[in-house]
Amino acid sequence: MMVRRDPVGLGMTSQRARDRMVEQLRTLGIQNPRVLDVMRNLSRHLFVDEGLEVRAYENSPLPIGQGQTISQPYIVARMTEHIVAANPQTVLEIGTGSGYQAAVLSYLVPKVYSVERIESLLRNARRHFRSLGIDNVRSRHDDGRRGWPEEAPFDAIIVTAAGEYIDPLLAEQLAPGGVLIAPVGPQGGEQKLIRITRDVDGLHESVLEPLSFVPLLGGLL
């Protein structure tokens, strides 16, 4: 699936700004050429709030309303690298947010399922998907902590907000041979990106790197 190339604009939304972002990602250790190509060509400025477009290709998180953010490009790229390394056919995303992470995955994975608890954010994300012609993302307004059991198991699961632990109900939806990538840790305390894999012996956890995320919350808005 090729990335739709929309008009890239001028100045800080230009192709030059995208190229600078990708070069910075390379410097930070992102190596997968498919991930870098998608992030070079996908219009991140379409996913940020009006007035923040000029900052869309900075390597920083940006507010999207409701106390949520669009993750910095490095985090999106790093988590995506870990996901695509497993060569999944299906991915479950917990926390649709702006829709940018799901959009990146949509060009690398045949089927993406995404759950968002804040209805207004989900409406905006769906609008972005339609405008880009993305038709392999299914989204749902629900409490992401419970996953999407009706469509389980998933070859990969990605969580875009930090909880203090991985809910066992979510881990149970990981297919054999699958990988789950998630930030874990208390708000205001040390958080880390972890990888959980499943094999015949059960679940195995490893720590990837420290980071900081918005909290993983329950309930619907």
N, C-alpha and C. Protein backbone atom coordinates (compact mmCIF):
# COMPACT_ATOMS: atom_id res chain seq x y z
N MET A 1 0.85 -1.19 0.00
CA MET A 1 0.00 0.00 0.00
C MET A 1 0.88 1.24 0.00
N MET A 2 0.74 2.08 -1.02
CA MET A 2 1.57 3.26 -1.13
C MET A 2 0.98 4.41 -0.32
N VAL A 3 1.87 5.23 0.24
CA VAL A 3 1.42 6.39 0.98
C VAL A 3 0.88 7.42 0.02
N ARG A 4 -0.33 7.90 0.30
CA ARG A 4 -0.91 8.95 -0.53
C ARG A 4 -0.12 10.22 -0.36
N ARG A 5 0.34 10.80 -1.45
CA ARG A 5 1.14 12.02 -1.41
C ARG A 5 0.23 13.23 -1.62
N ASP A 6 -0.09 13.90 -0.52
CA ASP A 6 -0.89 15.10 -0.60
C ASP A 6 0.00 16.31 -0.81
N PRO A 7 -0.56 17.46 -1.22
CA PRO A 7 0.24 18.66 -1.32
C PRO A 7 0.96 18.91 0.00
N VAL A 8 2.29 19.11 -0.06
CA VAL A 8 3.08 19.19 1.17
C VAL A 8 3.20 20.59 1.72
N GLY A 9 2.70 21.58 1.01
CA GLY A 9 2.71 22.92 1.57
C GLY A 9 4.05 23.60 1.46
N LEU A 10 4.21 24.66 2.22
CA LEU A 10 5.40 25.48 2.18
C LEU A 10 6.02 25.55 3.56
N GLY A 11 7.23 26.01 3.62
CA GLY A 11 7.87 26.27 4.91
C GLY A 11 7.98 25.04 5.76
N MET A 12 7.42 25.10 6.99
CA MET A 12 7.61 24.03 7.96
C MET A 12 6.73 22.81 7.69
N THR A 13 5.90 22.82 6.65
CA THR A 13 5.18 21.61 6.26
C THR A 13 5.67 21.12 4.90
N SER A 14 6.80 21.63 4.43
CA SER A 14 7.32 21.28 3.12
C SER A 14 8.03 19.93 3.14
N GLN A 15 8.37 19.44 1.94
CA GLN A 15 9.12 18.18 1.87
C GLN A 15 10.47 18.33 2.55
N ARG A 16 11.05 19.50 2.50
CA ARG A 16 12.33 19.71 3.16
C ARG A 16 12.21 19.49 4.67
N ALA A 17 11.10 19.97 5.25
CA ALA A 17 10.88 19.77 6.70
C ALA A 17 10.72 18.30 7.01
N ARG A 18 10.05 17.56 6.16
CA ARG A 18 9.88 16.12 6.35
C ARG A 18 11.22 15.40 6.26
N ASP A 19 12.02 15.80 5.28
CA ASP A 19 13.33 15.18 5.11
C ASP A 19 14.21 15.42 6.33
N ARG A 20 14.15 16.62 6.89
CA ARG A 20 14.93 16.91 8.10
C ARG A 20 14.48 16.02 9.26
N MET A 21 13.17 15.83 9.38
CA MET A 21 12.65 14.97 10.43
C MET A 21 13.18 13.55 10.28
N VAL A 22 13.16 13.02 9.07
CA VAL A 22 13.61 11.66 8.83
C VAL A 22 15.11 11.53 9.11
N GLU A 23 15.89 12.52 8.73
CA GLU A 23 17.32 12.47 9.01
C GLU A 23 17.57 12.47 10.51
N GLN A 24 16.77 13.23 11.25
CA GLN A 24 16.91 13.22 12.71
C GLN A 24 16.54 11.86 13.28
N LEU A 25 15.51 11.23 12.73
CA LEU A 25 15.12 9.89 13.19
C LEU A 25 16.25 8.90 12.93
N ARG A 26 16.89 9.00 11.78
CA ARG A 26 18.04 8.13 11.50
C ARG A 26 19.15 8.34 12.53
N THR A 27 19.42 9.60 12.84
CA THR A 27 20.46 9.92 13.82
C THR A 27 20.14 9.31 15.17
N LEU A 28 18.85 9.24 15.50
CA LEU A 28 18.41 8.70 16.78
C LEU A 28 18.33 7.17 16.79
N GLY A 29 18.62 6.55 15.65
CA GLY A 29 18.71 5.10 15.61
C GLY A 29 17.61 4.37 14.88
N ILE A 30 16.68 5.09 14.27
CA ILE A 30 15.64 4.42 13.48
C ILE A 30 16.25 3.95 12.17
N GLN A 31 16.10 2.66 11.88
CA GLN A 31 16.80 2.07 10.74
C GLN A 31 15.89 1.48 9.67
N ASN A 32 14.68 1.09 10.04
CA ASN A 32 13.81 0.40 9.08
C ASN A 32 13.44 1.34 7.93
N PRO A 33 13.86 1.03 6.70
CA PRO A 33 13.61 1.95 5.58
C PRO A 33 12.13 2.10 5.25
N ARG A 34 11.33 1.07 5.49
CA ARG A 34 9.90 1.18 5.21
C ARG A 34 9.24 2.15 6.19
N VAL A 35 9.62 2.07 7.46
CA VAL A 35 9.08 2.99 8.45
C VAL A 35 9.48 4.42 8.12
N LEU A 36 10.74 4.63 7.79
CA LEU A 36 11.22 5.97 7.47
C LEU A 36 10.52 6.52 6.22
N ASP A 37 10.28 5.66 5.24
CA ASP A 37 9.63 6.11 4.00
C ASP A 37 8.19 6.54 4.27
N VAL A 38 7.47 5.76 5.08
CA VAL A 38 6.09 6.14 5.41
C VAL A 38 6.07 7.47 6.15
N MET A 39 6.96 7.63 7.12
CA MET A 39 6.95 8.86 7.91
C MET A 39 7.42 10.07 7.11
N ARG A 40 8.23 9.84 6.09
CA ARG A 40 8.62 10.93 5.20
C ARG A 40 7.44 11.41 4.37
N ASN A 41 6.61 10.49 3.94
CA ASN A 41 5.57 10.83 2.98
C ASN A 41 4.19 11.08 3.58
N LEU A 42 3.95 10.60 4.80
CA LEU A 42 2.65 10.82 5.42
C LEU A 42 2.56 12.23 6.00
N SER A 43 1.47 12.91 5.73
CA SER A 43 1.32 14.32 6.11
C SER A 43 0.97 14.45 7.59
N ARG A 44 1.99 14.52 8.45
CA ARG A 44 1.75 14.64 9.89
C ARG A 44 1.03 15.94 10.23
N HIS A 45 1.22 16.99 9.42
CA HIS A 45 0.58 18.27 9.74
C HIS A 45 -0.94 18.20 9.63
N LEU A 46 -1.46 17.19 8.94
CA LEU A 46 -2.91 17.02 8.87
C LEU A 46 -3.50 16.52 10.18
N PHE A 47 -2.66 15.95 11.05
CA PHE A 47 -3.13 15.32 12.28
C PHE A 47 -2.99 16.23 13.50
N VAL A 48 -2.43 17.42 13.34
CA VAL A 48 -2.24 18.31 14.49
C VAL A 48 -3.27 19.43 14.44
N ASP A 49 -3.45 20.11 15.55
CA ASP A 49 -4.44 21.17 15.64
C ASP A 49 -4.06 22.37 14.77
N GLU A 50 -5.08 23.07 14.31
CA GLU A 50 -4.86 24.28 13.53
C GLU A 50 -4.00 25.26 14.32
N GLY A 51 -3.02 25.81 13.66
CA GLY A 51 -2.10 26.72 14.31
C GLY A 51 -0.80 26.06 14.73
N LEU A 52 -0.80 24.72 14.76
CA LEU A 52 0.41 23.99 15.14
C LEU A 52 1.06 23.29 13.94
N GLU A 53 0.50 23.51 12.76
CA GLU A 53 1.04 22.84 11.57
C GLU A 53 2.53 23.12 11.36
N VAL A 54 2.96 24.33 11.70
CA VAL A 54 4.36 24.69 11.47
C VAL A 54 5.32 23.89 12.35
N ARG A 55 4.77 23.23 13.40
CA ARG A 55 5.60 22.42 14.29
C ARG A 55 5.43 20.92 14.04
N ALA A 56 4.68 20.58 13.00
CA ALA A 56 4.30 19.17 12.80
C ALA A 56 5.50 18.25 12.59
N TYR A 57 6.59 18.75 12.02
CA TYR A 57 7.73 17.89 11.71
C TYR A 57 8.89 18.09 12.67
N GLU A 58 8.60 18.74 13.80
CA GLU A 58 9.56 18.75 14.90
C GLU A 58 9.48 17.41 15.62
N ASN A 59 10.57 17.03 16.23
CA ASN A 59 10.57 15.77 16.98
C ASN A 59 10.09 16.03 18.40
N SER A 60 8.81 16.35 18.51
CA SER A 60 8.22 16.66 19.82
C SER A 60 6.74 16.30 19.79
N PRO A 61 6.19 15.95 20.97
CA PRO A 61 4.73 15.74 21.04
C PRO A 61 4.01 17.07 20.95
N LEU A 62 2.77 17.03 20.49
CA LEU A 62 1.98 18.25 20.36
C LEU A 62 0.58 17.98 20.90
N PRO A 63 -0.06 18.97 21.53
CA PRO A 63 -1.40 18.77 22.07
C PRO A 63 -2.44 18.60 20.96
N ILE A 64 -3.43 17.73 21.22
CA ILE A 64 -4.53 17.53 20.27
C ILE A 64 -5.88 17.71 20.96
N GLY A 65 -5.87 18.25 22.17
CA GLY A 65 -7.11 18.47 22.91
C GLY A 65 -7.41 17.33 23.87
N GLN A 66 -8.34 17.60 24.80
CA GLN A 66 -8.78 16.60 25.77
C GLN A 66 -7.62 16.08 26.62
N GLY A 67 -6.58 16.90 26.80
CA GLY A 67 -5.44 16.48 27.60
C GLY A 67 -4.56 15.44 26.94
N GLN A 68 -4.74 15.23 25.63
CA GLN A 68 -3.99 14.21 24.90
C GLN A 68 -2.98 14.86 23.96
N THR A 69 -2.04 14.05 23.48
CA THR A 69 -1.02 14.56 22.56
C THR A 69 -0.85 13.61 21.39
N ILE A 70 -0.31 14.13 20.29
CA ILE A 70 0.22 13.30 19.23
C ILE A 70 1.67 13.03 19.60
N SER A 71 2.06 11.77 19.65
CA SER A 71 3.39 11.40 20.11
C SER A 71 4.47 11.98 19.21
N GLN A 72 5.65 12.20 19.79
CA GLN A 72 6.77 12.70 18.99
C GLN A 72 7.12 11.67 17.92
N PRO A 73 7.60 12.12 16.76
CA PRO A 73 7.91 11.20 15.67
C PRO A 73 8.85 10.07 16.05
N TYR A 74 9.84 10.35 16.90
CA TYR A 74 10.77 9.28 17.29
C TYR A 74 10.02 8.13 17.97
N ILE A 75 9.11 8.45 18.89
CA ILE A 75 8.37 7.40 19.60
C ILE A 75 7.50 6.61 18.63
N VAL A 76 6.82 7.31 17.72
CA VAL A 76 6.00 6.62 16.71
C VAL A 76 6.87 5.68 15.89
N ALA A 77 8.02 6.18 15.43
CA ALA A 77 8.91 5.37 14.60
C ALA A 77 9.47 4.18 15.37
N ARG A 78 9.91 4.40 16.61
CA ARG A 78 10.51 3.32 17.39
C ARG A 78 9.48 2.23 17.68
N MET A 79 8.28 2.61 18.11
CA MET A 79 7.27 1.60 18.40
C MET A 79 6.85 0.87 17.13
N THR A 80 6.76 1.61 16.02
CA THR A 80 6.40 0.98 14.75
C THR A 80 7.46 -0.01 14.31
N GLU A 81 8.73 0.33 14.47
CA GLU A 81 9.82 -0.61 14.13
C GLU A 81 9.66 -1.92 14.87
N HIS A 82 9.37 -1.85 16.15
CA HIS A 82 9.22 -3.07 16.94
C HIS A 82 8.01 -3.88 16.50
N ILE A 83 6.95 -3.18 16.09
CA ILE A 83 5.76 -3.87 15.62
C ILE A 83 6.01 -4.57 14.30
N VAL A 84 6.54 -3.86 13.31
CA VAL A 84 6.69 -4.44 11.97
C VAL A 84 7.77 -5.51 11.92
N ALA A 85 8.68 -5.51 12.90
CA ALA A 85 9.71 -6.55 12.94
C ALA A 85 9.10 -7.93 13.12
N ALA A 86 7.89 -7.98 13.69
CA ALA A 86 7.19 -9.25 13.89
C ALA A 86 6.40 -9.67 12.65
N ASN A 87 6.41 -8.83 11.60
CA ASN A 87 5.69 -9.11 10.36
C ASN A 87 4.22 -9.47 10.60
N PRO A 88 3.49 -8.63 11.34
CA PRO A 88 2.10 -8.96 11.69
C PRO A 88 1.15 -8.75 10.52
N GLN A 89 0.08 -9.52 10.54
CA GLN A 89 -1.02 -9.31 9.59
C GLN A 89 -2.12 -8.46 10.22
N THR A 90 -2.23 -8.50 11.54
CA THR A 90 -3.22 -7.69 12.26
C THR A 90 -2.55 -7.01 13.45
N VAL A 91 -2.91 -5.75 13.68
CA VAL A 91 -2.40 -4.99 14.81
C VAL A 91 -3.57 -4.34 15.53
N LEU A 92 -3.54 -4.42 16.85
CA LEU A 92 -4.51 -3.70 17.69
C LEU A 92 -3.80 -2.51 18.31
N GLU A 93 -4.36 -1.32 18.13
CA GLU A 93 -3.83 -0.11 18.75
C GLU A 93 -4.76 0.32 19.87
N ILE A 94 -4.21 0.58 21.04
CA ILE A 94 -4.97 1.10 22.17
C ILE A 94 -4.66 2.58 22.30
N GLY A 95 -5.65 3.43 21.98
CA GLY A 95 -5.47 4.87 22.02
C GLY A 95 -5.28 5.45 20.63
N THR A 96 -6.38 5.64 19.90
CA THR A 96 -6.30 6.17 18.54
C THR A 96 -5.74 7.59 18.52
N GLY A 97 -6.18 8.41 19.49
CA GLY A 97 -5.70 9.79 19.55
C GLY A 97 -5.99 10.54 18.26
N SER A 98 -4.95 11.14 17.70
CA SER A 98 -5.09 11.90 16.46
C SER A 98 -5.32 11.01 15.25
N GLY A 99 -4.92 9.73 15.37
CA GLY A 99 -4.99 8.81 14.24
C GLY A 99 -3.67 8.64 13.51
N TYR A 100 -2.64 9.41 13.91
CA TYR A 100 -1.37 9.38 13.17
C TYR A 100 -0.68 8.02 13.29
N GLN A 101 -0.59 7.46 14.49
CA GLN A 101 0.07 6.17 14.64
C GLN A 101 -0.65 5.09 13.84
N ALA A 102 -1.97 5.07 13.89
CA ALA A 102 -2.73 4.09 13.10
C ALA A 102 -2.51 4.29 11.61
N ALA A 103 -2.42 5.55 11.18
CA ALA A 103 -2.18 5.83 9.77
C ALA A 103 -0.82 5.31 9.34
N VAL A 104 0.21 5.53 10.16
CA VAL A 104 1.54 5.00 9.84
C VAL A 104 1.47 3.48 9.70
N LEU A 105 0.84 2.82 10.66
CA LEU A 105 0.73 1.37 10.62
C LEU A 105 -0.06 0.88 9.42
N SER A 106 -1.04 1.67 8.99
CA SER A 106 -1.91 1.22 7.90
C SER A 106 -1.16 0.98 6.60
N TYR A 107 -0.01 1.64 6.42
CA TYR A 107 0.79 1.47 5.21
C TYR A 107 1.80 0.33 5.35
N LEU A 108 1.86 -0.28 6.53
CA LEU A 108 2.86 -1.30 6.80
C LEU A 108 2.26 -2.65 7.20
N VAL A 109 0.99 -2.65 7.57
CA VAL A 109 0.31 -3.84 8.08
C VAL A 109 -1.03 -3.98 7.36
N PRO A 110 -1.42 -5.19 6.96
CA PRO A 110 -2.68 -5.34 6.22
C PRO A 110 -3.92 -4.85 6.94
N LYS A 111 -4.01 -5.08 8.27
CA LYS A 111 -5.23 -4.71 8.99
C LYS A 111 -4.89 -4.13 10.35
N VAL A 112 -5.46 -2.93 10.62
CA VAL A 112 -5.24 -2.24 11.89
C VAL A 112 -6.58 -2.06 12.58
N TYR A 113 -6.63 -2.41 13.86
CA TYR A 113 -7.79 -2.17 14.71
C TYR A 113 -7.37 -1.14 15.76
N SER A 114 -8.21 -0.13 15.97
CA SER A 114 -7.82 0.94 16.89
C SER A 114 -8.99 1.30 17.80
N VAL A 115 -8.70 1.43 19.10
CA VAL A 115 -9.72 1.72 20.10
C VAL A 115 -9.40 3.05 20.77
N GLU A 116 -10.42 3.92 20.89
CA GLU A 116 -10.26 5.23 21.52
C GLU A 116 -11.42 5.50 22.46
N ARG A 117 -11.12 5.99 23.67
CA ARG A 117 -12.15 6.24 24.68
C ARG A 117 -12.78 7.62 24.55
N ILE A 118 -12.14 8.55 23.82
CA ILE A 118 -12.66 9.92 23.70
C ILE A 118 -13.30 10.07 22.33
N GLU A 119 -14.61 10.20 22.31
CA GLU A 119 -15.34 10.15 21.04
C GLU A 119 -14.95 11.28 20.09
N SER A 120 -14.73 12.49 20.61
CA SER A 120 -14.38 13.61 19.73
C SER A 120 -13.05 13.38 19.03
N LEU A 121 -12.09 12.78 19.72
CA LEU A 121 -10.81 12.45 19.08
C LEU A 121 -11.00 11.39 18.00
N LEU A 122 -11.83 10.41 18.30
CA LEU A 122 -12.06 9.34 17.33
C LEU A 122 -12.73 9.87 16.07
N ARG A 123 -13.68 10.80 16.23
CA ARG A 123 -14.33 11.39 15.05
C ARG A 123 -13.29 12.09 14.17
N ASN A 124 -12.41 12.86 14.79
CA ASN A 124 -11.37 13.55 14.02
C ASN A 124 -10.44 12.56 13.32
N ALA A 125 -10.05 11.51 14.05
CA ALA A 125 -9.16 10.51 13.45
C ALA A 125 -9.81 9.85 12.24
N ARG A 126 -11.08 9.51 12.38
CA ARG A 126 -11.77 8.88 11.25
C ARG A 126 -11.84 9.82 10.05
N ARG A 127 -12.01 11.11 10.32
CA ARG A 127 -12.02 12.09 9.23
C ARG A 127 -10.66 12.11 8.53
N HIS A 128 -9.59 12.03 9.29
CA HIS A 128 -8.26 11.98 8.68
C HIS A 128 -8.08 10.72 7.83
N PHE A 129 -8.55 9.59 8.34
CA PHE A 129 -8.43 8.35 7.57
C PHE A 129 -9.16 8.47 6.23
N ARG A 130 -10.37 9.02 6.28
CA ARG A 130 -11.14 9.16 5.05
C ARG A 130 -10.44 10.10 4.07
N SER A 131 -9.92 11.21 4.58
CA SER A 131 -9.29 12.20 3.69
C SER A 131 -8.04 11.63 3.01
N LEU A 132 -7.38 10.67 3.66
CA LEU A 132 -6.18 10.06 3.10
C LEU A 132 -6.48 8.77 2.33
N GLY A 133 -7.75 8.39 2.27
CA GLY A 133 -8.12 7.17 1.56
C GLY A 133 -7.67 5.90 2.25
N ILE A 134 -7.49 5.96 3.57
CA ILE A 134 -7.06 4.79 4.34
C ILE A 134 -8.30 3.94 4.65
N ASP A 135 -8.32 2.72 4.14
CA ASP A 135 -9.51 1.89 4.31
C ASP A 135 -9.23 0.57 5.03
N ASN A 136 -8.03 0.42 5.59
CA ASN A 136 -7.71 -0.83 6.31
C ASN A 136 -7.56 -0.61 7.81
N VAL A 137 -8.15 0.48 8.32
CA VAL A 137 -8.19 0.74 9.75
C VAL A 137 -9.63 0.65 10.22
N ARG A 138 -9.90 -0.24 11.17
CA ARG A 138 -11.20 -0.30 11.83
C ARG A 138 -11.05 0.34 13.20
N SER A 139 -11.96 1.22 13.55
CA SER A 139 -11.85 1.93 14.82
C SER A 139 -13.12 1.76 15.64
N ARG A 140 -12.95 1.96 16.96
CA ARG A 140 -14.05 1.68 17.89
C ARG A 140 -13.97 2.64 19.07
N HIS A 141 -15.14 3.15 19.50
CA HIS A 141 -15.22 3.99 20.69
C HIS A 141 -15.47 3.08 21.88
N ASP A 142 -14.42 2.89 22.71
CA ASP A 142 -14.54 1.95 23.82
C ASP A 142 -13.40 2.20 24.79
N ASP A 143 -13.47 1.54 25.93
CA ASP A 143 -12.40 1.58 26.91
C ASP A 143 -11.28 0.66 26.41
N GLY A 144 -10.17 1.27 26.01
CA GLY A 144 -9.10 0.49 25.40
C GLY A 144 -8.46 -0.53 26.30
N ARG A 145 -8.62 -0.37 27.59
CA ARG A 145 -7.96 -1.31 28.51
C ARG A 145 -8.47 -2.73 28.33
N ARG A 146 -9.67 -2.88 27.77
CA ARG A 146 -10.21 -4.23 27.56
C ARG A 146 -9.90 -4.76 26.16
N GLY A 147 -9.21 -3.95 25.36
CA GLY A 147 -8.83 -4.40 24.02
C GLY A 147 -10.01 -4.49 23.08
N TRP A 148 -9.99 -5.50 22.21
CA TRP A 148 -11.07 -5.74 21.25
C TRP A 148 -11.23 -7.25 21.16
N PRO A 149 -11.76 -7.86 22.21
CA PRO A 149 -11.76 -9.33 22.29
C PRO A 149 -12.50 -10.02 21.16
N GLU A 150 -13.49 -9.35 20.59
CA GLU A 150 -14.27 -9.99 19.51
C GLU A 150 -13.42 -10.24 18.26
N GLU A 151 -12.33 -9.49 18.09
CA GLU A 151 -11.48 -9.63 16.91
C GLU A 151 -10.16 -10.33 17.23
N ALA A 152 -9.94 -10.66 18.50
CA ALA A 152 -8.70 -11.32 18.92
C ALA A 152 -8.64 -12.75 18.37
N PRO A 153 -7.42 -13.32 18.25
CA PRO A 153 -6.14 -12.75 18.68
C PRO A 153 -5.51 -11.86 17.63
N PHE A 154 -4.58 -11.02 18.07
CA PHE A 154 -3.86 -10.09 17.20
C PHE A 154 -2.39 -10.48 17.14
N ASP A 155 -1.81 -10.31 15.97
CA ASP A 155 -0.38 -10.60 15.81
C ASP A 155 0.49 -9.59 16.56
N ALA A 156 -0.03 -8.39 16.74
CA ALA A 156 0.71 -7.36 17.46
C ALA A 156 -0.28 -6.43 18.14
N ILE A 157 0.13 -5.88 19.28
CA ILE A 157 -0.67 -4.90 20.02
C ILE A 157 0.25 -3.74 20.37
N ILE A 158 -0.22 -2.52 20.15
CA ILE A 158 0.54 -1.33 20.48
C ILE A 158 -0.32 -0.45 21.38
N VAL A 159 0.25 -0.02 22.49
CA VAL A 159 -0.46 0.82 23.45
C VAL A 159 0.20 2.19 23.45
N THR A 160 -0.60 3.25 23.26
CA THR A 160 -0.03 4.58 23.07
C THR A 160 -0.19 5.50 24.28
N ALA A 161 -0.49 4.92 25.43
CA ALA A 161 -0.56 5.67 26.69
C ALA A 161 -0.06 4.74 27.79
N ALA A 162 0.45 5.35 28.88
CA ALA A 162 1.13 4.56 29.90
C ALA A 162 0.20 4.16 31.04
N GLY A 163 0.13 2.88 31.32
CA GLY A 163 -0.52 2.37 32.52
C GLY A 163 0.55 1.87 33.48
N GLU A 164 0.14 1.59 34.71
CA GLU A 164 1.12 1.11 35.69
C GLU A 164 1.45 -0.36 35.47
N TYR A 165 0.62 -1.03 34.68
CA TYR A 165 0.88 -2.43 34.34
C TYR A 165 0.09 -2.76 33.08
N ILE A 166 0.39 -3.89 32.48
CA ILE A 166 -0.36 -4.38 31.32
C ILE A 166 -1.53 -5.22 31.82
N ASP A 167 -2.73 -4.82 31.44
CA ASP A 167 -3.92 -5.56 31.85
C ASP A 167 -3.87 -6.99 31.28
N PRO A 168 -4.03 -8.01 32.14
CA PRO A 168 -4.00 -9.39 31.64
C PRO A 168 -5.01 -9.65 30.53
N LEU A 169 -6.17 -8.98 30.56
CA LEU A 169 -7.17 -9.16 29.52
C LEU A 169 -6.62 -8.75 28.17
N LEU A 170 -5.78 -7.71 28.16
CA LEU A 170 -5.18 -7.25 26.91
C LEU A 170 -4.10 -8.22 26.44
N ALA A 171 -3.26 -8.65 27.35
CA ALA A 171 -2.19 -9.58 27.00
C ALA A 171 -2.74 -10.90 26.46
N GLU A 172 -3.90 -11.30 26.96
CA GLU A 172 -4.51 -12.55 26.50
C GLU A 172 -4.93 -12.47 25.03
N GLN A 173 -5.05 -11.27 24.49
CA GLN A 173 -5.48 -11.12 23.10
C GLN A 173 -4.32 -11.16 22.11
N LEU A 174 -3.12 -11.42 22.62
CA LEU A 174 -1.94 -11.53 21.77
C LEU A 174 -1.82 -12.95 21.22
N ALA A 175 -1.65 -13.07 19.92
CA ALA A 175 -1.55 -14.38 19.28
C ALA A 175 -0.20 -15.03 19.59
N PRO A 176 -0.11 -16.35 19.52
CA PRO A 176 1.19 -17.02 19.65
C PRO A 176 2.16 -16.47 18.61
N GLY A 177 3.39 -16.17 19.07
CA GLY A 177 4.37 -15.57 18.19
C GLY A 177 4.23 -14.07 18.07
N GLY A 178 3.23 -13.49 18.76
CA GLY A 178 2.95 -12.05 18.63
C GLY A 178 3.81 -11.20 19.56
N VAL A 179 3.68 -9.88 19.37
CA VAL A 179 4.45 -8.93 20.17
C VAL A 179 3.54 -7.79 20.62
N LEU A 180 3.70 -7.40 21.87
CA LEU A 180 2.97 -6.26 22.44
C LEU A 180 3.98 -5.21 22.85
N ILE A 181 3.79 -3.97 22.38
CA ILE A 181 4.68 -2.86 22.70
C ILE A 181 3.87 -1.82 23.48
N ALA A 182 4.36 -1.44 24.66
CA ALA A 182 3.59 -0.52 25.49
C ALA A 182 4.49 0.24 26.46
N PRO A 183 4.13 1.50 26.77
CA PRO A 183 4.80 2.20 27.86
C PRO A 183 4.16 1.81 29.19
N VAL A 184 4.98 1.65 30.21
CA VAL A 184 4.48 1.24 31.52
C VAL A 184 5.17 2.07 32.59
N GLY A 185 4.37 2.48 33.60
CA GLY A 185 4.95 3.21 34.72
C GLY A 185 4.00 4.27 35.23
N PRO A 186 4.24 4.78 36.43
CA PRO A 186 3.35 5.78 37.03
C PRO A 186 3.55 7.15 36.42
N GLN A 187 2.48 7.94 36.40
CA GLN A 187 2.60 9.33 35.95
C GLN A 187 3.46 10.10 36.95
N GLY A 188 4.39 10.86 36.41
CA GLY A 188 5.28 11.61 37.26
C GLY A 188 6.44 10.79 37.79
N GLY A 189 6.47 9.50 37.47
CA GLY A 189 7.54 8.62 37.89
C GLY A 189 8.26 8.05 36.68
N GLU A 190 9.08 7.07 36.92
CA GLU A 190 9.85 6.47 35.84
C GLU A 190 8.95 5.59 34.98
N GLN A 191 8.95 5.87 33.68
CA GLN A 191 8.21 5.05 32.73
C GLN A 191 9.21 4.39 31.78
N LYS A 192 8.80 3.27 31.22
CA LYS A 192 9.68 2.55 30.30
C LYS A 192 8.84 1.92 29.20
N LEU A 193 9.45 1.78 28.05
CA LEU A 193 8.82 1.08 26.94
C LEU A 193 9.17 -0.39 27.06
N ILE A 194 8.14 -1.23 27.07
CA ILE A 194 8.39 -2.66 27.21
C ILE A 194 7.87 -3.43 26.00
N ARG A 195 8.45 -4.61 25.83
CA ARG A 195 8.02 -5.53 24.77
C ARG A 195 7.62 -6.85 25.44
N ILE A 196 6.44 -7.32 25.10
CA ILE A 196 5.96 -8.62 25.58
C ILE A 196 5.77 -9.52 24.37
N THR A 197 6.32 -10.70 24.42
CA THR A 197 6.14 -11.68 23.35
C THR A 197 5.46 -12.92 23.92
N ARG A 198 4.78 -13.64 23.04
CA ARG A 198 4.11 -14.88 23.46
C ARG A 198 4.65 -16.05 22.65
N ASP A 199 5.02 -17.12 23.35
CA ASP A 199 5.39 -18.36 22.68
C ASP A 199 4.76 -19.53 23.43
N VAL A 200 5.19 -20.73 23.14
CA VAL A 200 4.56 -21.91 23.74
C VAL A 200 4.75 -21.94 25.26
N ASP A 201 5.74 -21.23 25.76
CA ASP A 201 5.99 -21.21 27.20
C ASP A 201 5.26 -20.09 27.92
N GLY A 202 4.54 -19.25 27.17
CA GLY A 202 3.80 -18.16 27.79
C GLY A 202 4.29 -16.78 27.36
N LEU A 203 4.15 -15.80 28.25
CA LEU A 203 4.51 -14.42 27.96
C LEU A 203 5.90 -14.10 28.51
N HIS A 204 6.64 -13.29 27.74
CA HIS A 204 7.99 -12.90 28.12
C HIS A 204 8.12 -11.39 27.96
N GLU A 205 8.63 -10.73 28.99
CA GLU A 205 8.72 -9.26 28.99
C GLU A 205 10.18 -8.81 28.96
N SER A 206 10.45 -7.76 28.18
CA SER A 206 11.77 -7.14 28.17
C SER A 206 11.60 -5.63 28.13
N VAL A 207 12.56 -4.91 28.71
CA VAL A 207 12.54 -3.44 28.73
C VAL A 207 13.33 -2.92 27.55
N LEU A 208 12.76 -1.95 26.83
CA LEU A 208 13.40 -1.39 25.65
C LEU A 208 14.13 -0.09 25.94
N GLU A 209 13.44 0.89 26.56
CA GLU A 209 14.07 2.17 26.84
C GLU A 209 13.15 3.02 27.72
N PRO A 210 13.71 4.02 28.41
CA PRO A 210 12.89 4.93 29.20
C PRO A 210 12.19 5.95 28.31
N LEU A 211 11.04 6.45 28.77
CA LEU A 211 10.29 7.46 28.01
C LEU A 211 9.23 8.08 28.91
N SER A 212 8.39 8.96 28.32
CA SER A 212 7.31 9.59 29.06
C SER A 212 6.08 9.67 28.17
N PHE A 213 4.91 9.23 28.71
CA PHE A 213 3.66 9.20 27.96
C PHE A 213 2.53 9.78 28.79
N VAL A 214 1.45 10.15 28.11
CA VAL A 214 0.22 10.51 28.81
C VAL A 214 -0.35 9.25 29.45
N PRO A 215 -1.21 9.38 30.50
CA PRO A 215 -1.70 8.20 31.21
C PRO A 215 -2.75 7.41 30.41
N LEU A 216 -2.76 6.11 30.62
CA LEU A 216 -3.80 5.25 30.08
C LEU A 216 -4.97 5.25 31.04
N LEU A 217 -6.09 5.80 30.60
CA LEU A 217 -7.26 5.96 31.45
C LEU A 217 -8.40 5.08 30.98
N GLY A 218 -9.32 4.81 31.89
CA GLY A 218 -10.50 4.03 31.54
C GLY A 218 -11.73 4.92 31.42
N GLY A 219 -12.86 4.31 31.08
CA GLY A 219 -14.10 5.06 30.93
C GLY A 219 -14.20 5.71 29.57
N LEU A 220 -15.41 6.17 29.25
CA LEU A 220 -15.67 6.77 27.94
C LEU A 220 -15.97 8.25 28.09
N LEU A 221 -15.56 9.02 27.11
CA LEU A 221 -15.87 10.45 27.02
C LEU A 221 -16.43 10.75 25.65
